[in-house]
PDB file of N, CA and C in Angstrom:
ATOM      1  N   MET A   1     -45.033  23.766 -27.995  1.00  0.00           N
ATOM      2  CA  MET A   1     -45.236  22.453 -29.162  1.00  0.00           C
ATOM      3  C   MET A   1     -46.685  22.475 -29.302  1.00  0.00           C
ATOM      4  N   ALA A   2     -46.997  21.812 -30.709  1.00  0.00           N
ATOM      5  CA  ALA A   2     -48.288  21.947 -31.213  1.00  0.00           C
ATOM      6  C   ALA A   2     -49.074  20.978 -30.714  1.00  0.00           C
ATOM      7  N   GLN A   3     -50.135  20.865 -30.268  1.00  0.00           N
ATOM      8  CA  GLN A   3     -51.249  20.264 -29.798  1.00  0.00           C
ATOM      9  C   GLN A   3     -51.327  18.796 -31.124  1.00  0.00           C
ATOM     10  N   LYS A   4     -51.580  17.631 -30.258  1.00  0.00           N
ATOM     11  CA  LYS A   4     -51.783  16.683 -30.786  1.00  0.00           C
ATOM     12  C   LYS A   4     -53.315  16.538 -31.583  1.00  0.00           C
ATOM     13  N   LEU A   5     -53.000  16.255 -33.146  1.00  0.00           N
ATOM     14  CA  LEU A   5     -54.500  16.094 -33.568  1.00  0.00           C
ATOM     15  C   LEU A   5     -55.053  14.937 -33.402  1.00  0.00           C
ATOM     16  N   PRO A   6     -56.574  14.786 -33.287  1.00  0.00           N
ATOM     17  CA  PRO A   6     -57.311  13.759 -33.011  1.00  0.00           C
ATOM     18  C   PRO A   6     -57.149  12.886 -34.467  1.00  0.00           C
ATOM     19  N   PRO A   7     -57.532  11.699 -34.404  1.00  0.00           N
ATOM     20  CA  PRO A   7     -57.399  10.524 -35.645  1.00  0.00           C
ATOM     21  C   PRO A   7     -57.988  11.301 -36.817  1.00  0.00           C
ATOM     22  N   GLN A   8     -59.320  11.816 -36.574  1.00  0.00           N
ATOM     23  CA  GLN A   8     -60.304  12.453 -37.631  1.00  0.00           C
ATOM     24  C   GLN A   8     -59.365  13.530 -38.698  1.00  0.00           C
ATOM     25  N   ALA A   9     -58.802  14.116 -37.729  1.00  0.00           N
ATOM     26  CA  ALA A   9     -58.046  15.271 -38.304  1.00  0.00           C
ATOM     27  C   ALA A   9     -56.861  14.799 -38.718  1.00  0.00           C
ATOM     28  N   ARG A  10     -56.141  13.973 -38.372  1.00  0.00           N
ATOM     29  CA  ARG A  10     -54.992  13.406 -39.189  1.00  0.00           C
ATOM     30  C   ARG A  10     -55.400  13.203 -40.420  1.00  0.00           C
ATOM     31  N   ARG A  11     -56.235  12.106 -40.562  1.00  0.00           N
ATOM     32  CA  ARG A  11     -56.773  11.395 -41.987  1.00  0.00           C
ATOM     33  C   ARG A  11     -57.343  12.775 -42.997  1.00  0.00           C
ATOM     34  N   LEU A  12     -58.142  13.419 -42.368  1.00  0.00           N
ATOM     35  CA  LEU A  12     -58.293  14.722 -43.266  1.00  0.00           C
ATOM     36  C   LEU A  12     -56.950  15.635 -43.652  1.00  0.00           C
ATOM     37  N   ARG A  13     -55.873  16.008 -42.505  1.00  0.00           N
ATOM     38  CA  ARG A  13     -55.020  16.376 -43.270  1.00  0.00           C
ATOM     39  C   ARG A  13     -53.868  15.477 -44.262  1.00  0.00           C
ATOM     40  N   THR A  14     -54.157  14.316 -43.813  1.00  0.00           N
ATOM     41  CA  THR A  14     -53.520  13.451 -45.155  1.00  0.00           C
ATOM     42  C   THR A  14     -54.156  13.258 -46.455  1.00  0.00           C
ATOM     43  N   ILE A  15     -55.635  13.593 -46.459  1.00  0.00           N
ATOM     44  CA  ILE A  15     -56.053  13.574 -47.575  1.00  0.00           C
ATOM     45  C   ILE A  15     -56.118  14.728 -48.397  1.00  0.00           C
ATOM     46  N   ILE A  16     -56.203  16.011 -47.554  1.00  0.00           N
ATOM     47  CA  ILE A  16     -55.603  17.654 -48.383  1.00  0.00           C
ATOM     48  C   ILE A  16     -54.366  17.303 -48.534  1.00  0.00           C
ATOM     49  N   VAL A  17     -53.325  16.648 -48.108  1.00  0.00           N
ATOM     50  CA  VAL A  17     -51.745  16.925 -48.378  1.00  0.00           C
ATOM     51  C   VAL A  17     -52.024  15.849 -49.976  1.00  0.00           C
ATOM     52  N   THR A  18     -52.599  14.717 -49.878  1.00  0.00           N
ATOM     53  CA  THR A  18     -52.211  13.828 -50.990  1.00  0.00           C
ATOM     54  C   THR A  18     -52.857  13.635 -51.944  1.00  0.00           C
ATOM     55  N   VAL A  19     -54.214  14.660 -52.218  1.00  0.00           N
ATOM     56  CA  VAL A  19     -55.000  14.332 -53.518  1.00  0.00           C
ATOM     57  C   VAL A  19     -54.363  15.478 -54.379  1.00  0.00           C
ATOM     58  N   PRO A  20     -53.948  16.416 -54.052  1.00  0.00           N
ATOM     59  CA  PRO A  20     -53.129  17.302 -55.190  1.00  0.00           C
ATOM     60  C   PRO A  20     -52.220  16.878 -55.861  1.00  0.00           C
ATOM     61  N   ILE A  21     -51.227  15.926 -55.140  1.00  0.00           N
ATOM     62  CA  ILE A  21     -50.274  15.340 -55.167  1.00  0.00           C
ATOM     63  C   ILE A  21     -50.415  14.289 -56.779  1.00  0.00           C
ATOM     64  N   MET A  22     -51.448  13.302 -56.001  1.00  0.00           N
ATOM     65  CA  MET A  22     -51.963  12.147 -57.051  1.00  0.00           C
ATOM     66  C   MET A  22     -52.551  12.710 -58.052  1.00  0.00           C
ATOM     67  N   ALA A  23     -53.337  13.811 -57.881  1.00  0.00           N
ATOM     68  CA  ALA A  23     -53.884  14.794 -59.332  1.00  0.00           C
ATOM     69  C   ALA A  23     -52.997  14.945 -60.152  1.00  0.00           C
ATOM     70  N   ALA A  24     -51.961  15.671 -59.729  1.00  0.00           N
ATOM     71  CA  ALA A  24     -50.955  16.111 -60.809  1.00  0.00           C
ATOM     72  C   ALA A  24     -50.323  15.047 -61.291  1.00  0.00           C
ATOM     73  N   THR A  25     -49.878  13.986 -60.533  1.00  0.00           N
ATOM     74  CA  THR A  25     -49.014  12.827 -61.190  1.00  0.00           C
ATOM     75  C   THR A  25     -49.959  12.227 -61.849  1.00  0.00           C
ATOM     76  N   ALA A  26     -51.366  12.072 -61.611  1.00  0.00           N
ATOM     77  CA  ALA A  26     -52.304  11.418 -62.773  1.00  0.00           C
ATOM     78  C   ALA A  26     -52.160  12.378 -64.137  1.00  0.00           C
ATOM     79  N   TYR A  27     -52.236  13.517 -64.266  1.00  0.00           N
ATOM     80  CA  TYR A  27     -52.435  14.568 -65.053  1.00  0.00           C
ATOM     81  C   TYR A  27     -51.307  14.418 -66.091  1.00  0.00           C
ATOM     82  N   VAL A  28     -50.265  14.305 -65.611  1.00  0.00           N
ATOM     83  CA  VAL A  28     -48.675  14.190 -66.146  1.00  0.00           C
ATOM     84  C   VAL A  28     -48.548  12.698 -66.983  1.00  0.00           C
ATOM     85  N   LEU A  29     -49.006  11.537 -66.031  1.00  0.00           N
ATOM     86  CA  LEU A  29     -48.984  10.404 -66.580  1.00  0.00           C
ATOM     87  C   LEU A  29     -50.047  10.305 -67.604  1.00  0.00           C
ATOM     88  N   TYR A  30     -51.235  11.123 -67.630  1.00  0.00           N
ATOM     89  CA  TYR A  30     -52.203  11.073 -68.819  1.00  0.00           C
ATOM     90  C   TYR A  30     -51.678  11.750 -70.005  1.00  0.00           C
ATOM     91  N   GLU A  31     -50.899  12.861 -69.836  1.00  0.00           N
ATOM     92  CA  GLU A  31     -50.396  13.617 -70.905  1.00  0.00           C
ATOM     93  C   GLU A  31     -49.529  12.441 -71.567  1.00  0.00           C
ATOM     94  N   ARG A  32     -48.461  11.731 -71.060  1.00  0.00           N
ATOM     95  CA  ARG A  32     -47.572  11.239 -71.530  1.00  0.00           C
ATOM     96  C   ARG A  32     -47.830  10.105 -71.994  1.00  0.00           C
ATOM     97  N   LEU A  33     -48.855   9.287 -71.224  1.00  0.00           N
ATOM     98  CA  LEU A  33     -49.362   7.972 -72.213  1.00  0.00           C
ATOM     99  C   LEU A  33     -50.419   7.955 -72.905  1.00  0.00           C
ATOM    100  N   ALA A  34     -51.419   8.864 -72.964  1.00  0.00           N
ATOM    101  CA  ALA A  34     -52.530   9.106 -73.772  1.00  0.00           C
ATOM    102  C   ALA A  34     -52.170  10.056 -74.731  1.00  0.00           C
ATOM    103  N   LEU A  35     -51.746  10.891 -74.568  1.00  0.00           N
ATOM    104  CA  LEU A  35     -51.542  11.897 -75.505  1.00  0.00           C
ATOM    105  C   LEU A  35     -50.193  11.960 -76.356  1.00  0.00           C
ATOM    106  N   GLY A  36     -49.208  11.199 -76.016  1.00  0.00           N
ATOM    107  CA  GLY A  36     -48.102  10.866 -76.294  1.00  0.00           C
ATOM    108  C   GLY A  36     -46.841  12.105 -76.032  1.00  0.00           C
ATOM    109  N   LYS A  37     -47.349  12.896 -75.534  1.00  0.00           N
ATOM    110  CA  LYS A  37     -46.417  14.196 -74.921  1.00  0.00           C
ATOM    111  C   LYS A  37     -44.998  13.489 -74.376  1.00  0.00           C
ATOM    112  N   PRO A  38     -43.950  13.942 -74.802  1.00  0.00           N
ATOM    113  CA  PRO A  38     -42.439  13.587 -74.385  1.00  0.00           C
ATOM    114  C   PRO A  38     -42.245  13.823 -72.704  1.00  0.00           C
ATOM    115  N   ARG A  39     -41.368  12.970 -72.500  1.00  0.00           N
ATOM    116  CA  ARG A  39     -40.968  13.218 -71.067  1.00  0.00           C
ATOM    117  C   ARG A  39     -39.884  14.257 -71.089  1.00  0.00           C
ATOM    118  N   ARG A  40     -39.954  15.064 -69.650  1.00  0.00           N
ATOM    119  CA  ARG A  40     -39.417  16.204 -69.432  1.00  0.00           C
ATOM    120  C   ARG A  40     -38.059  15.744 -69.258  1.00  0.00           C
ATOM    121  N   THR A  41     -37.010  16.383 -69.506  1.00  0.00           N
ATOM    122  CA  THR A  41     -35.644  16.050 -69.142  1.00  0.00           C
ATOM    123  C   THR A  41     -35.100  17.223 -69.098  1.00  0.00           C
ATOM    124  N   LEU A  42     -33.952  17.140 -67.857  1.00  0.00           N
ATOM    125  CA  LEU A  42     -33.131  18.254 -67.599  1.00  0.00           C
ATOM    126  C   LEU A  42     -32.123  18.465 -68.992  1.00  0.00           C
ATOM    127  N   PRO A  43     -31.504  19.473 -69.211  1.00  0.00           N
ATOM    128  CA  PRO A  43     -30.388  19.652 -70.124  1.00  0.00           C
ATOM    129  C   PRO A  43     -29.290  19.099 -69.279  1.00  0.00           C
ATOM    130  N   ARG A  44     -28.462  18.226 -70.377  1.00  0.00           N
ATOM    131  CA  ARG A  44     -27.249  17.652 -69.814  1.00  0.00           C
ATOM    132  C   ARG A  44     -26.027  18.322 -70.337  1.00  0.00           C
ATOM    133  N   GLU A  45     -24.999  18.601 -69.738  1.00  0.00           N
ATOM    134  CA  GLU A  45     -23.705  19.029 -70.324  1.00  0.00           C
ATOM    135  C   GLU A  45     -23.339  17.988 -70.930  1.00  0.00           C
ATOM    136  N   THR A  46     -22.247  18.198 -72.171  1.00  0.00           N
ATOM    137  CA  THR A  46     -21.569  17.068 -72.320  1.00  0.00           C
ATOM    138  C   THR A  46     -20.428  16.764 -71.558  1.00  0.00           C
ATOM    139  N   PRO A  47     -20.174  15.229 -71.383  1.00  0.00           N
ATOM    140  CA  PRO A  47     -18.990  14.871 -70.405  1.00  0.00           C
ATOM    141  C   PRO A  47     -17.687  15.419 -70.798  1.00  0.00           C
ATOM    142  N   GLN A  48     -16.694  15.679 -70.012  1.00  0.00           N
ATOM    143  CA  GLN A  48     -15.406  15.855 -70.261  1.00  0.00           C
ATOM    144  C   GLN A  48     -14.774  14.859 -70.615  1.00  0.00           C
ATOM    145  N   SER A  49     -13.927  14.993 -71.343  1.00  0.00           N
ATOM    146  CA  SER A  49     -12.693  13.460 -71.817  1.00  0.00           C
ATOM    147  C   SER A  49     -11.994  13.226 -71.035  1.00  0.00           C
ATOM    148  N   PRO A  50     -11.347  12.145 -71.010  1.00  0.00           N
ATOM    149  CA  PRO A  50     -10.556  11.744 -69.882  1.00  0.00           C
ATOM    150  C   PRO A  50      -9.069  12.894 -69.670  1.00  0.00           C
ATOM    151  N   SER A  51      -8.779  13.200 -70.794  1.00  0.00           N
ATOM    152  CA  SER A  51      -7.582  13.740 -70.872  1.00  0.00           C
ATOM    153  C   SER A  51      -7.904  15.048 -70.116  1.00  0.00           C
ATOM    154  N   THR A  52      -8.780  15.755 -70.216  1.00  0.00           N
ATOM    155  CA  THR A  52      -9.340  16.927 -69.507  1.00  0.00           C
ATOM    156  C   THR A  52      -9.336  16.816 -67.974  1.00  0.00           C
ATOM    157  N   THR A  53      -9.900  15.607 -67.640  1.00  0.00           N
ATOM    158  CA  THR A  53     -10.091  15.139 -66.061  1.00  0.00           C
ATOM    159  C   THR A  53      -8.569  15.120 -65.614  1.00  0.00           C
ATOM    160  N   ASN A  54      -7.585  14.477 -66.234  1.00  0.00           N
ATOM    161  CA  ASN A  54      -6.674  14.258 -65.675  1.00  0.00           C
ATOM    162  C   ASN A  54      -5.610  15.524 -65.535  1.00  0.00           C
ATOM    163  N   GLU A  55      -5.956  16.432 -66.520  1.00  0.00           N
ATOM    164  CA  GLU A  55      -5.313  17.654 -66.331  1.00  0.00           C
ATOM    165  C   GLU A  55      -5.902  18.437 -65.259  1.00  0.00           C
ATOM    166  N   ILE A  56      -6.943  18.218 -64.429  1.00  0.00           N
ATOM    167  CA  ILE A  56      -7.588  18.820 -63.561  1.00  0.00           C
ATOM    168  C   ILE A  56      -6.996  18.290 -62.491  1.00  0.00           C
ATOM    169  N   LEU A  57      -6.783  17.008 -62.296  1.00  0.00           N
ATOM    170  CA  LEU A  57      -6.256  16.528 -61.060  1.00  0.00           C
ATOM    171  C   LEU A  57      -4.763  16.371 -61.070  1.00  0.00           C
ATOM    172  N   PRO A  58      -4.248  16.828 -59.963  1.00  0.00           N
ATOM    173  CA  PRO A  58      -2.666  16.620 -59.990  1.00  0.00           C
ATOM    174  C   PRO A  58      -1.861  15.334 -60.010  1.00  0.00           C
ATOM    175  N   GLU A  59      -0.684  14.987 -60.457  1.00  0.00           N
ATOM    176  CA  GLU A  59      -0.100  13.836 -60.480  1.00  0.00           C
ATOM    177  C   GLU A  59      -0.037  13.467 -58.870  1.00  0.00           C
ATOM    178  N   SER A  60      -0.121  14.007 -58.069  1.00  0.00           N
ATOM    179  CA  SER A  60      -0.001  13.771 -56.750  1.00  0.00           C
ATOM    180  C   SER A  60      -0.978  13.127 -55.833  1.00  0.00           C
ATOM    181  N   SER A  61      -2.155  13.182 -56.399  1.00  0.00           N
ATOM    182  CA  SER A  61      -3.214  12.780 -56.149  1.00  0.00           C
ATOM    183  C   SER A  61      -3.386  11.320 -56.383  1.00  0.00           C
ATOM    184  N   HIS A  62      -2.873  10.907 -57.578  1.00  0.00           N
ATOM    185  CA  HIS A  62      -2.882   9.436 -58.034  1.00  0.00           C
ATOM    186  C   HIS A  62      -1.922   8.737 -57.156  1.00  0.00           C
ATOM    187  N   ALA A  63      -0.606   9.327 -56.503  1.00  0.00           N
ATOM    188  CA  ALA A  63      -0.139   8.534 -55.573  1.00  0.00           C
ATOM    189  C   ALA A  63      -0.198   7.918 -54.462  1.00  0.00           C
ATOM    190  N   GLY A  64      -1.215   8.488 -53.600  1.00  0.00           N
ATOM    191  CA  GLY A  64      -1.788   7.858 -52.597  1.00  0.00           C
ATOM    192  C   GLY A  64      -2.795   6.744 -52.827  1.00  0.00           C
ATOM    193  N   SER A  65      -3.247   6.481 -54.301  1.00  0.00           N
ATOM    194  CA  SER A  65      -4.423   5.390 -54.371  1.00  0.00           C
ATOM    195  C   SER A  65      -3.207   4.195 -54.225  1.00  0.00           C
ATOM    196  N   GLU A  66      -2.183   4.087 -54.868  1.00  0.00           N
ATOM    197  CA  GLU A  66      -0.980   3.159 -54.811  1.00  0.00           C
ATOM    198  C   GLU A  66      -1.266   2.307 -53.313  1.00  0.00           C
ATOM    199  N   ARG A  67      -1.332   3.179 -52.476  1.00  0.00           N
ATOM    200  CA  ARG A  67      -1.072   2.920 -50.951  1.00  0.00           C
ATOM    201  C   ARG A  67      -2.341   2.081 -50.508  1.00  0.00           C
ATOM    202  N   TRP A  68      -3.453   2.505 -50.890  1.00  0.00           N
ATOM    203  CA  TRP A  68      -4.662   2.034 -50.330  1.00  0.00           C
ATOM    204  C   TRP A  68      -5.028   0.836 -50.951  1.00  0.00           C
ATOM    205  N   SER A  69      -4.548   0.721 -52.378  1.00  0.00           N
ATOM    206  CA  SER A  69      -5.118  -0.581 -53.091  1.00  0.00           C
ATOM    207  C   SER A  69      -3.922  -1.938 -52.403  1.00  0.00           C
ATOM    208  N   LYS A  70      -2.946  -1.632 -51.831  1.00  0.00           N
ATOM    209  CA  LYS A  70      -2.215  -2.712 -51.542  1.00  0.00           C
ATOM    210  C   LYS A  70      -2.517  -3.371 -49.803  1.00  0.00           C
ATOM    211  N   GLY A  71      -3.790  -2.264 -49.329  1.00  0.00           N
ATOM    212  CA  GLY A  71      -4.522  -2.741 -48.347  1.00  0.00           C
ATOM    213  C   GLY A  71      -3.477  -2.415 -47.033  1.00  0.00           C
ATOM    214  N   GLU A  72      -2.653  -1.177 -46.910  1.00  0.00           N
ATOM    215  CA  GLU A  72      -2.185  -0.706 -45.936  1.00  0.00           C
ATOM    216  C   GLU A  72      -2.915   0.198 -45.434  1.00  0.00           C
TER     217      GLU A  72
END
């Protein structure tokens, strides 16, 4: 097991870890707010229609839901 760090060393470790995260976050926000750069998004797949979803699920999977809705 590692030795416990003294309080001053823990503070320094916290600073070393958080300052780069804060700097990167501030830079990204600056680009978006001041320079007007658009927000990055992940490409999304088009959602499937309900008819396709029903084809994937067998009819037997819907039969058990009636039992649960009655509170049994």
